[in-house]
PDB file of N, CA and C in Angstrom:
ATOM      1  N   GLN A   1       8.530  -0.668  -6.027  1.00  0.00           N
ATOM      2  CA  GLN A   1       9.327  -0.318  -7.183  1.00  0.00           C
ATOM      3  C   GLN A   1       8.693   0.830  -7.967  1.00  0.00           C
ATOM      4  N   THR A   2       7.375   0.853  -8.022  1.00  0.00           N
ATOM      5  CA  THR A   2       6.700   1.944  -8.717  1.00  0.00           C
ATOM      6  C   THR A   2       7.023   3.277  -8.054  1.00  0.00           C
ATOM      7  N   ILE A   3       6.979   3.301  -6.754  1.00  0.00           N
ATOM      8  CA  ILE A   3       7.269   4.541  -6.030  1.00  0.00           C
ATOM      9  C   ILE A   3       8.708   4.975  -6.278  1.00  0.00           C
ATOM     10  N   LEU A   4       9.643   4.049  -6.213  1.00  0.00           N
ATOM     11  CA  LEU A   4      11.038   4.385  -6.463  1.00  0.00           C
ATOM     12  C   LEU A   4      11.242   4.925  -7.875  1.00  0.00           C
ATOM     13  N   GLN A   5      10.668   4.256  -8.871  1.00  0.00           N
ATOM     14  CA  GLN A   5      10.815   4.727 -10.247  1.00  0.00           C
ATOM     15  C   GLN A   5      10.148   6.090 -10.445  1.00  0.00           C
ATOM     16  N   SER A   6       9.032   6.314  -9.776  1.00  0.00           N
ATOM     17  CA  SER A   6       8.324   7.584  -9.959  1.00  0.00           C
ATOM     18  C   SER A   6       9.150   8.771  -9.467  1.00  0.00           C
ATOM     19  N   LEU A   7      10.084   8.538  -8.552  1.00  0.00           N
ATOM     20  CA  LEU A   7      10.937   9.616  -8.050  1.00  0.00           C
ATOM     21  C   LEU A   7      11.932  10.103  -9.096  1.00  0.00           C
ATOM     22  N   THR A   8      12.214   9.275 -10.091  1.00  0.00           N
ATOM     23  CA  THR A   8      13.199   9.648 -11.096  1.00  0.00           C
ATOM     24  C   THR A   8      12.585   9.892 -12.475  1.00  0.00           C
ATOM     25  N   LYS A   9      11.278   9.806 -12.585  1.00  0.00           N
ATOM     26  CA  LYS A   9      10.605  10.004 -13.884  1.00  0.00           C
ATOM     27  C   LYS A   9       9.821  11.315 -13.852  1.00  0.00           C
ATOM     28  N   PRO A  10      10.292  12.326 -14.551  1.00  0.00           N
ATOM     29  CA  PRO A  10       9.573  13.605 -14.568  1.00  0.00           C
ATOM     30  C   PRO A  10       8.122  13.479 -15.066  1.00  0.00           C
ATOM     31  N   ASP A  11       7.863  12.521 -15.952  1.00  0.00           N
ATOM     32  CA  ASP A  11       6.506  12.341 -16.481  1.00  0.00           C
ATOM     33  C   ASP A  11       5.510  11.896 -15.407  1.00  0.00           C
ATOM     34  N   SER A  12       6.005  11.379 -14.288  1.00  0.00           N
ATOM     35  CA  SER A  12       5.098  10.884 -13.253  1.00  0.00           C
ATOM     36  C   SER A  12       4.672  11.978 -12.269  1.00  0.00           C
ATOM     37  N   ILE A  13       5.281  13.165 -12.361  1.00  0.00           N
ATOM     38  CA  ILE A  13       4.927  14.262 -11.451  1.00  0.00           C
ATOM     39  C   ILE A  13       3.471  14.656 -11.659  1.00  0.00           C
ATOM     40  N   GLY A  14       2.725  14.664 -10.582  1.00  0.00           N
ATOM     41  CA  GLY A  14       1.321  15.041 -10.621  1.00  0.00           C
ATOM     42  C   GLY A  14       0.387  13.962 -11.131  1.00  0.00           C
ATOM     43  N   MET A  15       0.926  12.811 -11.477  1.00  0.00           N
ATOM     44  CA  MET A  15       0.101  11.716 -12.001  1.00  0.00           C
ATOM     45  C   MET A  15      -0.425  10.852 -10.853  1.00  0.00           C
ATOM     46  N   ILE A  16      -1.551  10.244 -11.097  1.00  0.00           N
ATOM     47  CA  ILE A  16      -2.128   9.284 -10.151  1.00  0.00           C
ATOM     48  C   ILE A  16      -2.237   7.952 -10.885  1.00  0.00           C
ATOM     49  N   TYR A  17      -1.687   6.914 -10.276  1.00  0.00           N
ATOM     50  CA  TYR A  17      -1.730   5.582 -10.877  1.00  0.00           C
ATOM     51  C   TYR A  17      -2.468   4.632  -9.948  1.00  0.00           C
ATOM     52  N   GLU A  18      -3.381   3.881 -10.505  1.00  0.00           N
ATOM     53  CA  GLU A  18      -3.987   2.788  -9.754  1.00  0.00           C
ATOM     54  C   GLU A  18      -3.056   1.599  -9.917  1.00  0.00           C
ATOM     55  N   ILE A  19      -2.658   1.025  -8.814  1.00  0.00           N
ATOM     56  CA  ILE A  19      -1.701  -0.071  -8.866  1.00  0.00           C
ATOM     57  C   ILE A  19      -2.382  -1.343  -8.383  1.00  0.00           C
ATOM     58  N   GLY A  20      -2.307  -2.366  -9.183  1.00  0.00           N
ATOM     59  CA  GLY A  20      -2.886  -3.653  -8.811  1.00  0.00           C
ATOM     60  C   GLY A  20      -2.087  -4.767  -9.436  1.00  0.00           C
ATOM     61  N   GLY A  21      -2.370  -5.952  -8.999  1.00  0.00           N
ATOM     62  CA  GLY A  21      -1.686  -7.111  -9.552  1.00  0.00           C
ATOM     63  C   GLY A  21      -2.512  -7.773 -10.629  1.00  0.00           C
ATOM     64  N   PRO A  22      -2.055  -8.922 -11.101  1.00  0.00           N
ATOM     65  CA  PRO A  22      -2.735  -9.602 -12.196  1.00  0.00           C
ATOM     66  C   PRO A  22      -3.955 -10.412 -11.767  1.00  0.00           C
ATOM     67  N   GLU A  23      -4.321 -10.331 -10.487  1.00  0.00           N
ATOM     68  CA  GLU A  23      -5.451 -11.135 -10.014  1.00  0.00           C
ATOM     69  C   GLU A  23      -6.285 -10.351  -9.019  1.00  0.00           C
ATOM     70  N   LYS A  24      -7.549 -10.729  -8.897  1.00  0.00           N
ATOM     71  CA  LYS A  24      -8.395 -10.209  -7.831  1.00  0.00           C
ATOM     72  C   LYS A  24      -8.425 -11.292  -6.766  1.00  0.00           C
ATOM     73  N   ILE A  25      -8.218 -10.893  -5.520  1.00  0.00           N
ATOM     74  CA  ILE A  25      -8.305 -11.874  -4.441  1.00  0.00           C
ATOM     75  C   ILE A  25      -9.238 -11.349  -3.357  1.00  0.00           C
ATOM     76  N   THR A  26      -9.878 -12.265  -2.682  1.00  0.00           N
ATOM     77  CA  THR A  26     -10.771 -11.884  -1.591  1.00  0.00           C
ATOM     78  C   THR A  26      -9.944 -11.592  -0.341  1.00  0.00           C
ATOM     79  N   TYR A  27     -10.593 -10.978   0.624  1.00  0.00           N
ATOM     80  CA  TYR A  27      -9.910 -10.701   1.888  1.00  0.00           C
ATOM     81  C   TYR A  27      -9.474 -12.013   2.548  1.00  0.00           C
ATOM     82  N   ARG A  28     -10.335 -13.007   2.488  1.00  0.00           N
ATOM     83  CA  ARG A  28      -9.992 -14.316   3.060  1.00  0.00           C
ATOM     84  C   ARG A  28      -8.750 -14.896   2.383  1.00  0.00           C
ATOM     85  N   GLU A  29      -8.700 -14.832   1.053  1.00  0.00           N
ATOM     86  CA  GLU A  29      -7.529 -15.335   0.327  1.00  0.00           C
ATOM     87  C   GLU A  29      -6.274 -14.562   0.727  1.00  0.00           C
ATOM     88  N   LEU A  30      -6.411 -13.246   0.882  1.00  0.00           N
ATOM     89  CA  LEU A  30      -5.289 -12.411   1.297  1.00  0.00           C
ATOM     90  C   LEU A  30      -4.746 -12.875   2.650  1.00  0.00           C
ATOM     91  N   VAL A  31      -5.637 -13.088   3.605  1.00  0.00           N
ATOM     92  CA  VAL A  31      -5.233 -13.535   4.941  1.00  0.00           C
ATOM     93  C   VAL A  31      -4.569 -14.909   4.866  1.00  0.00           C
ATOM     94  N   LEU A  32      -5.125 -15.819   4.072  1.00  0.00           N
ATOM     95  CA  LEU A  32      -4.555 -17.160   3.960  1.00  0.00           C
ATOM     96  C   LEU A  32      -3.174 -17.148   3.304  1.00  0.00           C
ATOM     97  N   VAL A  33      -2.970 -16.293   2.303  1.00  0.00           N
ATOM     98  CA  VAL A  33      -1.661 -16.180   1.655  1.00  0.00           C
ATOM     99  C   VAL A  33      -0.622 -15.668   2.666  1.00  0.00           C
ATOM    100  N   ILE A  34      -0.991 -14.662   3.439  1.00  0.00           N
ATOM    101  CA  ILE A  34      -0.073 -14.119   4.448  1.00  0.00           C
ATOM    102  C   ILE A  34       0.217 -15.166   5.514  1.00  0.00           C
ATOM    103  N   ALA A  35      -0.797 -15.870   5.982  1.00  0.00           N
ATOM    104  CA  ALA A  35      -0.603 -16.911   6.996  1.00  0.00           C
ATOM    105  C   ALA A  35       0.325 -18.004   6.473  1.00  0.00           C
ATOM    106  N   HIS A  36       0.128 -18.405   5.221  1.00  0.00           N
ATOM    107  CA  HIS A  36       0.982 -19.432   4.621  1.00  0.00           C
ATOM    108  C   HIS A  36       2.440 -18.954   4.559  1.00  0.00           C
ATOM    109  N   ALA A  37       2.632 -17.713   4.139  1.00  0.00           N
ATOM    110  CA  ALA A  37       3.989 -17.163   4.039  1.00  0.00           C
ATOM    111  C   ALA A  37       4.656 -17.054   5.407  1.00  0.00           C
ATOM    112  N   MET A  38       3.839 -16.868   6.449  1.00  0.00           N
ATOM    113  CA  MET A  38       4.381 -16.762   7.807  1.00  0.00           C
ATOM    114  C   MET A  38       4.515 -18.138   8.472  1.00  0.00           C
ATOM    115  N   HIS A  39       4.125 -19.182   7.755  1.00  0.00           N
ATOM    116  CA  HIS A  39       4.187 -20.557   8.262  1.00  0.00           C
ATOM    117  C   HIS A  39       3.397 -20.722   9.558  1.00  0.00           C
ATOM    118  N   THR A  40       2.242 -20.095   9.605  1.00  0.00           N
ATOM    119  CA  THR A  40       1.393 -20.213  10.789  1.00  0.00           C
ATOM    120  C   THR A  40       0.356 -21.309  10.578  1.00  0.00           C
ATOM    121  N   LYS A  41      -0.005 -21.962  11.631  1.00  0.00           N
ATOM    122  CA  LYS A  41      -0.995 -23.035  11.564  1.00  0.00           C
ATOM    123  C   LYS A  41      -2.348 -22.590  12.126  1.00  0.00           C
ATOM    124  N   LYS A  42      -2.470 -21.301  12.438  1.00  0.00           N
ATOM    125  CA  LYS A  42      -3.724 -20.808  13.007  1.00  0.00           C
ATOM    126  C   LYS A  42      -4.823 -20.846  11.953  1.00  0.00           C
ATOM    127  N   PRO A  43      -6.018 -21.289  12.324  1.00  0.00           N
ATOM    128  CA  PRO A  43      -7.106 -21.362  11.343  1.00  0.00           C
ATOM    129  C   PRO A  43      -7.677 -19.974  11.036  1.00  0.00           C
ATOM    130  N   ALA A  44      -8.181 -19.813   9.837  1.00  0.00           N
ATOM    131  CA  ALA A  44      -8.887 -18.584   9.467  1.00  0.00           C
ATOM    132  C   ALA A  44     -10.320 -18.719   9.971  1.00  0.00           C
ATOM    133  N   VAL A  45     -10.777 -17.727  10.673  1.00  0.00           N
ATOM    134  CA  VAL A  45     -12.126 -17.756  11.237  1.00  0.00           C
ATOM    135  C   VAL A  45     -12.971 -16.718  10.507  1.00  0.00           C
ATOM    136  N   HIS A  46     -14.093 -17.164   9.976  1.00  0.00           N
ATOM    137  CA  HIS A  46     -14.989 -16.248   9.274  1.00  0.00           C
ATOM    138  C   HIS A  46     -15.769 -15.419  10.295  1.00  0.00           C
ATOM    139  N   ILE A  47     -15.720 -14.100  10.132  1.00  0.00           N
ATOM    140  CA  ILE A  47     -16.508 -13.193  10.975  1.00  0.00           C
ATOM    141  C   ILE A  47     -17.506 -12.502  10.060  1.00  0.00           C
ATOM    142  N   PRO A  48     -18.803 -12.657  10.326  1.00  0.00           N
ATOM    143  CA  PRO A  48     -19.804 -12.034   9.450  1.00  0.00           C
ATOM    144  C   PRO A  48     -19.596 -10.521   9.346  1.00  0.00           C
ATOM    145  N   PHE A  49     -19.826  -9.988   8.159  1.00  0.00           N
ATOM    146  CA  PHE A  49     -19.611  -8.570   7.906  1.00  0.00           C
ATOM    147  C   PHE A  49     -20.443  -7.698   8.841  1.00  0.00           C
ATOM    148  N   TRP A  50     -21.699  -8.070   9.068  1.00  0.00           N
ATOM    149  CA  TRP A  50     -22.567  -7.281   9.930  1.00  0.00           C
ATOM    150  C   TRP A  50     -22.015  -7.219  11.350  1.00  0.00           C
ATOM    151  N   PHE A  51     -21.371  -8.302  11.786  1.00  0.00           N
ATOM    152  CA  PHE A  51     -20.853  -8.361  13.146  1.00  0.00           C
ATOM    153  C   PHE A  51     -19.629  -7.451  13.314  1.00  0.00           C
ATOM    154  N   ILE A  52     -18.693  -7.532  12.383  1.00  0.00           N
ATOM    155  CA  ILE A  52     -17.489  -6.704  12.491  1.00  0.00           C
ATOM    156  C   ILE A  52     -17.836  -5.233  12.293  1.00  0.00           C
ATOM    157  N   THR A  53     -18.846  -4.947  11.462  1.00  0.00           N
ATOM    158  CA  THR A  53     -19.289  -3.560  11.274  1.00  0.00           C
ATOM    159  C   THR A  53     -19.851  -3.009  12.570  1.00  0.00           C
ATOM    160  N   SER A  54     -20.654  -3.806  13.248  1.00  0.00           N
ATOM    161  CA  SER A  54     -21.227  -3.383  14.533  1.00  0.00           C
ATOM    162  C   SER A  54     -20.129  -3.157  15.571  1.00  0.00           C
ATOM    163  N   LEU A  55     -19.178  -4.079  15.637  1.00  0.00           N
ATOM    164  CA  LEU A  55     -18.072  -3.919  16.585  1.00  0.00           C
ATOM    165  C   LEU A  55     -17.241  -2.681  16.285  1.00  0.00           C
ATOM    166  N   ALA A  56     -16.999  -2.425  15.020  1.00  0.00           N
ATOM    167  CA  ALA A  56     -16.193  -1.264  14.639  1.00  0.00           C
ATOM    168  C   ALA A  56     -16.889   0.041  15.013  1.00  0.00           C
ATOM    169  N   ARG A  57     -18.201   0.062  14.917  1.00  0.00           N
ATOM    170  CA  ARG A  57     -18.934   1.268  15.326  1.00  0.00           C
ATOM    171  C   ARG A  57     -18.721   1.547  16.807  1.00  0.00           C
ATOM    172  N   VAL A  58     -18.690   0.496  17.596  1.00  0.00           N
ATOM    173  CA  VAL A  58     -18.557   0.652  19.049  1.00  0.00           C
ATOM    174  C   VAL A  58     -17.094   0.797  19.474  1.00  0.00           C
ATOM    175  N   LEU A  59     -16.214  -0.011  18.897  1.00  0.00           N
ATOM    176  CA  LEU A  59     -14.827  -0.080  19.370  1.00  0.00           C
ATOM    177  C   LEU A  59     -13.800   0.553  18.430  1.00  0.00           C
ATOM    178  N   GLY A  60     -14.249   1.018  17.277  1.00  0.00           N
ATOM    179  CA  GLY A  60     -13.327   1.529  16.266  1.00  0.00           C
ATOM    180  C   GLY A  60     -12.461   2.694  16.701  1.00  0.00           C
ATOM    181  N   GLY A  61     -12.874   3.427  17.723  1.00  0.00           N
ATOM    182  CA  GLY A  61     -12.097   4.561  18.195  1.00  0.00           C
ATOM    183  C   GLY A  61     -10.905   4.181  19.059  1.00  0.00           C
ATOM    184  N   PHE A  62     -10.845   2.943  19.473  1.00  0.00           N
ATOM    185  CA  PHE A  62      -9.735   2.482  20.314  1.00  0.00           C
ATOM    186  C   PHE A  62      -8.577   1.991  19.447  1.00  0.00           C
ATOM    187  N   SER A  63      -7.365   2.387  19.797  1.00  0.00           N
ATOM    188  CA  SER A  63      -6.196   2.038  18.986  1.00  0.00           C
ATOM    189  C   SER A  63      -5.927   0.535  18.956  1.00  0.00           C
ATOM    190  N   TRP A  64      -6.385  -0.194  19.943  1.00  0.00           N
ATOM    191  CA  TRP A  64      -6.118  -1.626  19.996  1.00  0.00           C
ATOM    192  C   TRP A  64      -7.087  -2.443  19.124  1.00  0.00           C
ATOM    193  N   PHE A  65      -8.192  -1.807  18.672  1.00  0.00           N
ATOM    194  CA  PHE A  65      -9.139  -2.541  17.848  1.00  0.00           C
ATOM    195  C   PHE A  65      -8.555  -2.686  16.445  1.00  0.00           C
ATOM    196  N   PRO A  66      -8.569  -3.900  15.877  1.00  0.00           N
ATOM    197  CA  PRO A  66      -7.797  -4.169  14.651  1.00  0.00           C
ATOM    198  C   PRO A  66      -8.349  -3.613  13.339  1.00  0.00           C
ATOM    199  N   ILE A  67      -9.532  -3.019  13.321  1.00  0.00           N
ATOM    200  CA  ILE A  67     -10.073  -2.517  12.056  1.00  0.00           C
ATOM    201  C   ILE A  67     -10.900  -1.264  12.305  1.00  0.00           C
ATOM    202  N   THR A  68     -10.825  -0.325  11.373  1.00  0.00           N
ATOM    203  CA  THR A  68     -11.562   0.928  11.511  1.00  0.00           C
ATOM    204  C   THR A  68     -12.770   0.947  10.578  1.00  0.00           C
ATOM    205  N   ASN A  69     -13.662   1.891  10.826  1.00  0.00           N
ATOM    206  CA  ASN A  69     -14.824   2.047   9.943  1.00  0.00           C
ATOM    207  C   ASN A  69     -14.390   2.358   8.511  1.00  0.00           C
ATOM    208  N   ASP A  70     -13.329   3.144   8.355  1.00  0.00           N
ATOM    209  CA  ASP A  70     -12.825   3.459   7.012  1.00  0.00           C
ATOM    210  C   ASP A  70     -12.323   2.206   6.300  1.00  0.00           C
ATOM    211  N   GLU A  71     -11.640   1.336   7.017  1.00  0.00           N
ATOM    212  CA  GLU A  71     -11.158   0.089   6.416  1.00  0.00           C
ATOM    213  C   GLU A  71     -12.317  -0.812   6.011  1.00  0.00           C
ATOM    214  N   ILE A  72     -13.354  -0.828   6.823  1.00  0.00           N
ATOM    215  CA  ILE A  72     -14.545  -1.618   6.495  1.00  0.00           C
ATOM    216  C   ILE A  72     -15.206  -1.065   5.231  1.00  0.00           C
ATOM    217  N   ALA A  73     -15.282   0.252   5.124  1.00  0.00           N
ATOM    218  CA  ALA A  73     -15.861   0.868   3.924  1.00  0.00           C
ATOM    219  C   ALA A  73     -15.034   0.503   2.688  1.00  0.00           C
ATOM    220  N   MET A  74     -13.712   0.490   2.827  1.00  0.00           N
ATOM    221  CA  MET A  74     -12.844   0.121   1.712  1.00  0.00           C
ATOM    222  C   MET A  74     -13.076  -1.335   1.311  1.00  0.00           C
ATOM    223  N   LEU A  75     -13.194  -2.220   2.302  1.00  0.00           N
ATOM    224  CA  LEU A  75     -13.442  -3.629   2.009  1.00  0.00           C
ATOM    225  C   LEU A  75     -14.786  -3.812   1.307  1.00  0.00           C
ATOM    226  N   ARG A  76     -15.771  -3.087   1.768  1.00  0.00           N
ATOM    227  CA  ARG A  76     -17.105  -3.210   1.180  1.00  0.00           C
ATOM    228  C   ARG A  76     -17.097  -2.750  -0.273  1.00  0.00           C
ATOM    229  N   GLY A  77     -16.368  -1.691  -0.582  1.00  0.00           N
ATOM    230  CA  GLY A  77     -16.345  -1.146  -1.934  1.00  0.00           C
ATOM    231  C   GLY A  77     -15.430  -1.896  -2.876  1.00  0.00           C
ATOM    232  N   GLY A  78     -14.559  -2.719  -2.336  1.00  0.00           N
ATOM    233  CA  GLY A  78     -13.590  -3.410  -3.170  1.00  0.00           C
ATOM    234  C   GLY A  78     -12.374  -2.529  -3.389  1.00  0.00           C
ATOM    235  N   ASN A  79     -11.258  -3.139  -3.621  1.00  0.00           N
ATOM    236  CA  ASN A  79     -10.021  -2.386  -3.781  1.00  0.00           C
ATOM    237  C   ASN A  79      -9.225  -3.030  -4.915  1.00  0.00           C
ATOM    238  N   TYR A  80      -9.570  -2.661  -6.124  1.00  0.00           N
ATOM    239  CA  TYR A  80      -8.900  -3.222  -7.293  1.00  0.00           C
ATOM    240  C   TYR A  80      -8.951  -2.205  -8.417  1.00  0.00           C
ATOM    241  N   VAL A  81      -8.116  -2.400  -9.415  1.00  0.00           N
ATOM    242  CA  VAL A  81      -8.090  -1.509 -10.569  1.00  0.00           C
ATOM    243  C   VAL A  81      -9.327  -1.815 -11.413  1.00  0.00           C
ATOM    244  N   ARG A  82     -10.209  -0.847 -11.485  1.00  0.00           N
ATOM    245  CA  ARG A  82     -11.491  -1.069 -12.165  1.00  0.00           C
ATOM    246  C   ARG A  82     -11.434  -0.811 -13.665  1.00  0.00           C
ATOM    247  N   GLU A  83     -10.607   0.122 -14.075  1.00  0.00           N
ATOM    248  CA  GLU A  83     -10.550   0.531 -15.468  1.00  0.00           C
ATOM    249  C   GLU A  83      -9.296  -0.012 -16.148  1.00  0.00           C
ATOM    250  N   PRO A  84      -9.449  -0.791 -17.204  1.00  0.00           N
ATOM    251  CA  PRO A  84      -8.277  -1.303 -17.928  1.00  0.00           C
ATOM    252  C   PRO A  84      -7.344  -0.187 -18.408  1.00  0.00           C
ATOM    253  N   LYS A  85      -7.894   0.987 -18.735  1.00  0.00           N
ATOM    254  CA  LYS A  85      -7.056   2.103 -19.190  1.00  0.00           C
ATOM    255  C   LYS A  85      -6.093   2.544 -18.085  1.00  0.00           C
ATOM    256  N   GLU A  86      -6.529   2.460 -16.821  1.00  0.00           N
ATOM    257  CA  GLU A  86      -5.657   2.834 -15.704  1.00  0.00           C
ATOM    258  C   GLU A  86      -4.476   1.875 -15.615  1.00  0.00           C
ATOM    259  N   ASP A  87      -4.740   0.610 -15.832  1.00  0.00           N
ATOM    260  CA  ASP A  87      -3.677  -0.391 -15.812  1.00  0.00           C
ATOM    261  C   ASP A  87      -2.688  -0.140 -16.945  1.00  0.00           C
ATOM    262  N   GLU A  88      -3.217   0.185 -18.111  1.00  0.00           N
ATOM    263  CA  GLU A  88      -2.352   0.478 -19.269  1.00  0.00           C
ATOM    264  C   GLU A  88      -1.476   1.701 -19.006  1.00  0.00           C
ATOM    265  N   LYS A  89      -2.039   2.704 -18.354  1.00  0.00           N
ATOM    266  CA  LYS A  89      -1.289   3.927 -18.048  1.00  0.00           C
ATOM    267  C   LYS A  89      -0.079   3.595 -17.166  1.00  0.00           C
ATOM    268  N   TRP A  90      -0.278   2.742 -16.192  1.00  0.00           N
ATOM    269  CA  TRP A  90       0.825   2.326 -15.308  1.00  0.00           C
ATOM    270  C   TRP A  90       1.864   1.526 -16.091  1.00  0.00           C
ATOM    271  N   ARG A  91       1.391   0.588 -16.903  1.00  0.00           N
ATOM    272  CA  ARG A  91       2.316  -0.256 -17.681  1.00  0.00           C
ATOM    273  C   ARG A  91       3.187   0.574 -18.629  1.00  0.00           C
ATOM    274  N   GLU A  92       2.604   1.610 -19.214  1.00  0.00           N
ATOM    275  CA  GLU A  92       3.369   2.465 -20.126  1.00  0.00           C
ATOM    276  C   GLU A  92       4.400   3.309 -19.384  1.00  0.00           C
ATOM    277  N   ALA A  93       4.083   3.716 -18.173  1.00  0.00           N
ATOM    278  CA  ALA A  93       4.961   4.609 -17.420  1.00  0.00           C
ATOM    279  C   ALA A  93       6.108   3.882 -16.723  1.00  0.00           C
ATOM    280  N   PHE A  94       5.883   2.631 -16.338  1.00  0.00           N
ATOM    281  CA  PHE A  94       6.873   1.920 -15.525  1.00  0.00           C
ATOM    282  C   PHE A  94       7.248   0.588 -16.156  1.00  0.00           C
ATOM    283  N   ASP A  95       8.508   0.309 -16.148  1.00  0.00           N
ATOM    284  CA  ASP A  95       9.017  -0.932 -16.719  1.00  0.00           C
ATOM    285  C   ASP A  95       9.113  -1.974 -15.614  1.00  0.00           C
ATOM    286  N   LEU A  96       7.974  -2.493 -15.203  1.00  0.00           N
ATOM    287  CA  LEU A  96       7.929  -3.458 -14.104  1.00  0.00           C
ATOM    288  C   LEU A  96       6.996  -4.607 -14.458  1.00  0.00           C
ATOM    289  N   PRO A  97       7.344  -5.805 -14.046  1.00  0.00           N
ATOM    290  CA  PRO A  97       6.447  -6.938 -14.296  1.00  0.00           C
ATOM    291  C   PRO A  97       5.310  -6.957 -13.272  1.00  0.00           C
ATOM    292  N   LEU A  98       4.169  -7.457 -13.684  1.00  0.00           N
ATOM    293  CA  LEU A  98       3.086  -7.692 -12.728  1.00  0.00           C
ATOM    294  C   LEU A  98       3.416  -8.950 -11.944  1.00  0.00           C
ATOM    295  N   LYS A  99       3.220  -8.896 -10.648  1.00  0.00           N
ATOM    296  CA  LYS A  99       3.489 -10.058  -9.805  1.00  0.00           C
ATOM    297  C   LYS A  99       2.246 -10.423  -9.016  1.00  0.00           C
ATOM    298  N   ARG A 100       2.100 -11.702  -8.786  1.00  0.00           N
ATOM    299  CA  ARG A 100       0.994 -12.182  -7.966  1.00  0.00           C
ATOM    300  C   ARG A 100       1.239 -11.756  -6.524  1.00  0.00           C
ATOM    301  N   PHE A 101       0.166 -11.522  -5.784  1.00  0.00           N
ATOM    302  CA  PHE A 101       0.270 -11.102  -4.392  1.00  0.00           C
ATOM    303  C   PHE A 101       1.101 -12.087  -3.582  1.00  0.00           C
ATOM    304  N   SER A 102       0.897 -13.377  -3.816  1.00  0.00           N
ATOM    305  CA  SER A 102       1.624 -14.394  -3.051  1.00  0.00           C
ATOM    306  C   SER A 102       3.136 -14.278  -3.260  1.00  0.00           C
ATOM    307  N   GLU A 103       3.563 -13.944  -4.476  1.00  0.00           N
ATOM    308  CA  GLU A 103       5.002 -13.766  -4.740  1.00  0.00           C
ATOM    309  C   GLU A 103       5.565 -12.606  -3.931  1.00  0.00           C
ATOM    310  N   CYS A 104       4.821 -11.520  -3.875  1.00  0.00           N
ATOM    311  CA  CYS A 104       5.285 -10.326  -3.163  1.00  0.00           C
ATOM    312  C   CYS A 104       5.347 -10.566  -1.660  1.00  0.00           C
ATOM    313  N   VAL A 105       4.364 -11.255  -1.126  1.00  0.00           N
ATOM    314  CA  VAL A 105       4.341 -11.535   0.309  1.00  0.00           C
ATOM    315  C   VAL A 105       5.495 -12.437   0.688  1.00  0.00           C
ATOM    316  N   GLU A 106       5.696 -13.490  -0.081  1.00  0.00           N
ATOM    317  CA  GLU A 106       6.809 -14.415   0.196  1.00  0.00           C
ATOM    318  C   GLU A 106       8.141 -13.660   0.246  1.00  0.00           C
ATOM    319  N   LYS A 107       8.350 -12.811  -0.746  1.00  0.00           N
ATOM    320  CA  LYS A 107       9.609 -12.063  -0.828  1.00  0.00           C
ATOM    321  C   LYS A 107       9.730 -11.073   0.335  1.00  0.00           C
ATOM    322  N   ALA A 108       8.645 -10.403   0.686  1.00  0.00           N
ATOM    323  CA  ALA A 108       8.671  -9.398   1.757  1.00  0.00           C
ATOM    324  C   ALA A 108       8.956 -10.023   3.127  1.00  0.00           C
ATOM    325  N   LEU A 109       8.532 -11.253   3.295  1.00  0.00           N
ATOM    326  CA  LEU A 109       8.684 -11.893   4.612  1.00  0.00           C
ATOM    327  C   LEU A 109       9.958 -12.730   4.756  1.00  0.00           C
ATOM    328  N   THR A 110      10.762 -12.795   3.705  1.00  0.00           N
ATOM    329  CA  THR A 110      11.996 -13.583   3.813  1.00  0.00           C
ATOM    330  C   THR A 110      13.210 -12.694   3.951  1.00  0.00           C
TER     331      THR A 110
END
């Protein structure tokens, strides 16, 4: 919705908005929310960070490998809105409610 609204708002031209929801969730929580929404019974398996990093160095160049070195770097650094002012800037520009990740996933998959 933010992207759609930004196409019709002249004030958004050239602006950069950090977009996040009302909660911080871990990668594990993200996977579990998606699995729940997909009604899958497969268990979540913990893979140590050092192990997946090593595999990505060796196999990351292959298209079939599920994660890249860049994605690992993003996970390591965290991916959330760090500055409250950035969140306020988005709220002022767009008339949209904040939604929990689980709400968005449920809606996207139905």
